[in-house]
């Protein structure tokens, strides 16, 4: 299975969990979560935070840099 196929299948699983959990809870905003599924799956599991440093992508904003750096380091520690 190619990497893109794995990401597609993982995104489908994430969508299932979103619908399942919001339905079970009887509340929530599944459409917001569903709309971000592909983006977050690609970023978190597609290697964005592992293969290159975030600053290599020339994404910068002084208000969010510290938070993104913290998230990136925490995420890398979690997946290793």
C-alpha atoms as a PDB file:
ATOM      1  CA  UNK A   1       0.000   0.000   0.000  1.00  0.00           C
ATOM      2  CA  UNK A   2       1.357   3.404  -0.936  1.00  0.00           C
ATOM      3  CA  UNK A   3       1.771   6.161   1.630  1.00  0.00           C
ATOM      4  CA  UNK A   4      -1.059   8.220   0.163  1.00  0.00           C
ATOM      5  CA  UNK A   5      -3.410   5.245   0.414  1.00  0.00           C
ATOM      6  CA  UNK A   6      -2.465   4.830   4.076  1.00  0.00           C
ATOM      7  CA  UNK A   7      -3.237   8.494   4.726  1.00  0.00           C
ATOM      8  CA  UNK A   8      -6.584   8.207   2.929  1.00  0.00           C
ATOM      9  CA  UNK A   9      -7.529   5.161   4.998  1.00  0.00           C
ATOM     10  CA  UNK A  10      -6.404   6.867   8.202  1.00  0.00           C
ATOM     11  CA  UNK A  11      -8.493   9.951   7.348  1.00  0.00           C
ATOM     12  CA  UNK A  12     -11.517   7.673   6.841  1.00  0.00           C
ATOM     13  CA  UNK A  13     -10.908   6.122  10.264  1.00  0.00           C
ATOM     14  CA  UNK A  14     -10.609   9.562  11.864  1.00  0.00           C
ATOM     15  CA  UNK A  15     -13.915  10.563  10.240  1.00  0.00           C
ATOM     16  CA  UNK A  16     -15.539   7.427  11.651  1.00  0.00           C
ATOM     17  CA  UNK A  17     -14.303   8.289  15.156  1.00  0.00           C
ATOM     18  CA  UNK A  18     -15.562  11.875  14.813  1.00  0.00           C
ATOM     19  CA  UNK A  19     -19.065  10.766  13.825  1.00  0.00           C
ATOM     20  CA  UNK A  20     -19.100   7.965  16.388  1.00  0.00           C
ATOM     21  CA  UNK A  21     -17.982  10.110  19.306  1.00  0.00           C
ATOM     22  CA  UNK A  22     -20.238  13.079  18.561  1.00  0.00           C
ATOM     23  CA  UNK A  23     -23.213  10.769  18.026  1.00  0.00           C
ATOM     24  CA  UNK A  24     -22.535   8.884  21.256  1.00  0.00           C
ATOM     25  CA  UNK A  25     -22.122  12.143  23.167  1.00  0.00           C
ATOM     26  CA  UNK A  26     -25.302  13.525  21.656  1.00  0.00           C
ATOM     27  CA  UNK A  27     -23.608  16.836  20.993  1.00  0.00           C
ATOM     28  CA  UNK A  28     -20.651  18.392  19.261  1.00  0.00           C
ATOM     29  CA  UNK A  29     -19.792  19.966  15.967  1.00  0.00           C
ATOM     30  CA  UNK A  30     -18.798  17.150  13.625  1.00  0.00           C
ATOM     31  CA  UNK A  31     -18.733  19.317  10.502  1.00  0.00           C
ATOM     32  CA  UNK A  32     -15.891  21.444  11.871  1.00  0.00           C
ATOM     33  CA  UNK A  33     -13.877  18.365  12.719  1.00  0.00           C
ATOM     34  CA  UNK A  34     -14.669  16.629   9.456  1.00  0.00           C
ATOM     35  CA  UNK A  35     -13.566  19.599   7.401  1.00  0.00           C
ATOM     36  CA  UNK A  36     -10.144  19.558   9.057  1.00  0.00           C
ATOM     37  CA  UNK A  37      -9.610  15.793   8.814  1.00  0.00           C
ATOM     38  CA  UNK A  38      -7.589  15.677   5.584  1.00  0.00           C
ATOM     39  CA  UNK A  39      -5.417  18.611   6.547  1.00  0.00           C
ATOM     40  CA  UNK A  40      -4.629  17.353  10.037  1.00  0.00           C
ATOM     41  CA  UNK A  41      -4.090  13.767   8.872  1.00  0.00           C
ATOM     42  CA  UNK A  42      -1.594  14.942   6.270  1.00  0.00           C
ATOM     43  CA  UNK A  43       0.197  17.253   8.701  1.00  0.00           C
ATOM     44  CA  UNK A  44       0.348  14.883  11.668  1.00  0.00           C
ATOM     45  CA  UNK A  45       0.855  11.538   9.933  1.00  0.00           C
ATOM     46  CA  UNK A  46       2.229  12.579   6.551  1.00  0.00           C
ATOM     47  CA  UNK A  47       5.555  13.654   7.987  1.00  0.00           C
ATOM     48  CA  UNK A  48       5.217  17.441   8.058  1.00  0.00           C
ATOM     49  CA  UNK A  49       6.513  17.654  11.624  1.00  0.00           C
ATOM     50  CA  UNK A  50       9.107  14.886  11.214  1.00  0.00           C
ATOM     51  CA  UNK A  51      10.828  15.251   7.872  1.00  0.00           C
ATOM     52  CA  UNK A  52      11.728  18.922   7.932  1.00  0.00           C
ATOM     53  CA  UNK A  53      11.800  21.653  10.452  1.00  0.00           C
ATOM     54  CA  UNK A  54       8.685  23.802  10.316  1.00  0.00           C
ATOM     55  CA  UNK A  55      10.757  26.915   9.644  1.00  0.00           C
ATOM     56  CA  UNK A  56      12.060  25.308   6.434  1.00  0.00           C
ATOM     57  CA  UNK A  57       8.574  25.874   4.995  1.00  0.00           C
ATOM     58  CA  UNK A  58       8.806  29.642   5.528  1.00  0.00           C
ATOM     59  CA  UNK A  59       5.680  29.681   7.691  1.00  0.00           C
ATOM     60  CA  UNK A  60       6.047  32.356  10.302  1.00  0.00           C
ATOM     61  CA  UNK A  61       3.900  34.417  12.602  1.00  0.00           C
ATOM     62  CA  UNK A  62       5.211  35.869  15.833  1.00  0.00           C
ATOM     63  CA  UNK A  63       2.017  35.114  17.747  1.00  0.00           C
ATOM     64  CA  UNK A  64       1.978  31.406  16.945  1.00  0.00           C
ATOM     65  CA  UNK A  65       5.638  30.403  16.574  1.00  0.00           C
ATOM     66  CA  UNK A  66       6.121  29.413  20.232  1.00  0.00           C
ATOM     67  CA  UNK A  67       2.947  27.340  20.285  1.00  0.00           C
ATOM     68  CA  UNK A  68       3.737  25.567  17.032  1.00  0.00           C
ATOM     69  CA  UNK A  69       7.310  24.856  18.154  1.00  0.00           C
ATOM     70  CA  UNK A  70       6.003  23.408  21.432  1.00  0.00           C
ATOM     71  CA  UNK A  71       3.400  21.282  19.661  1.00  0.00           C
ATOM     72  CA  UNK A  72       5.951  20.054  17.134  1.00  0.00           C
ATOM     73  CA  UNK A  73       8.460  19.011  19.798  1.00  0.00           C
ATOM     74  CA  UNK A  74       5.742  17.355  21.920  1.00  0.00           C
ATOM     75  CA  UNK A  75       4.380  15.515  18.880  1.00  0.00           C
ATOM     76  CA  UNK A  76       7.834  14.266  17.855  1.00  0.00           C
ATOM     77  CA  UNK A  77       8.482  13.029  21.390  1.00  0.00           C
ATOM     78  CA  UNK A  78       5.129  11.247  21.398  1.00  0.00           C
ATOM     79  CA  UNK A  79       5.593   9.382  18.127  1.00  0.00           C
ATOM     80  CA  UNK A  80       9.149   8.227  18.783  1.00  0.00           C
END
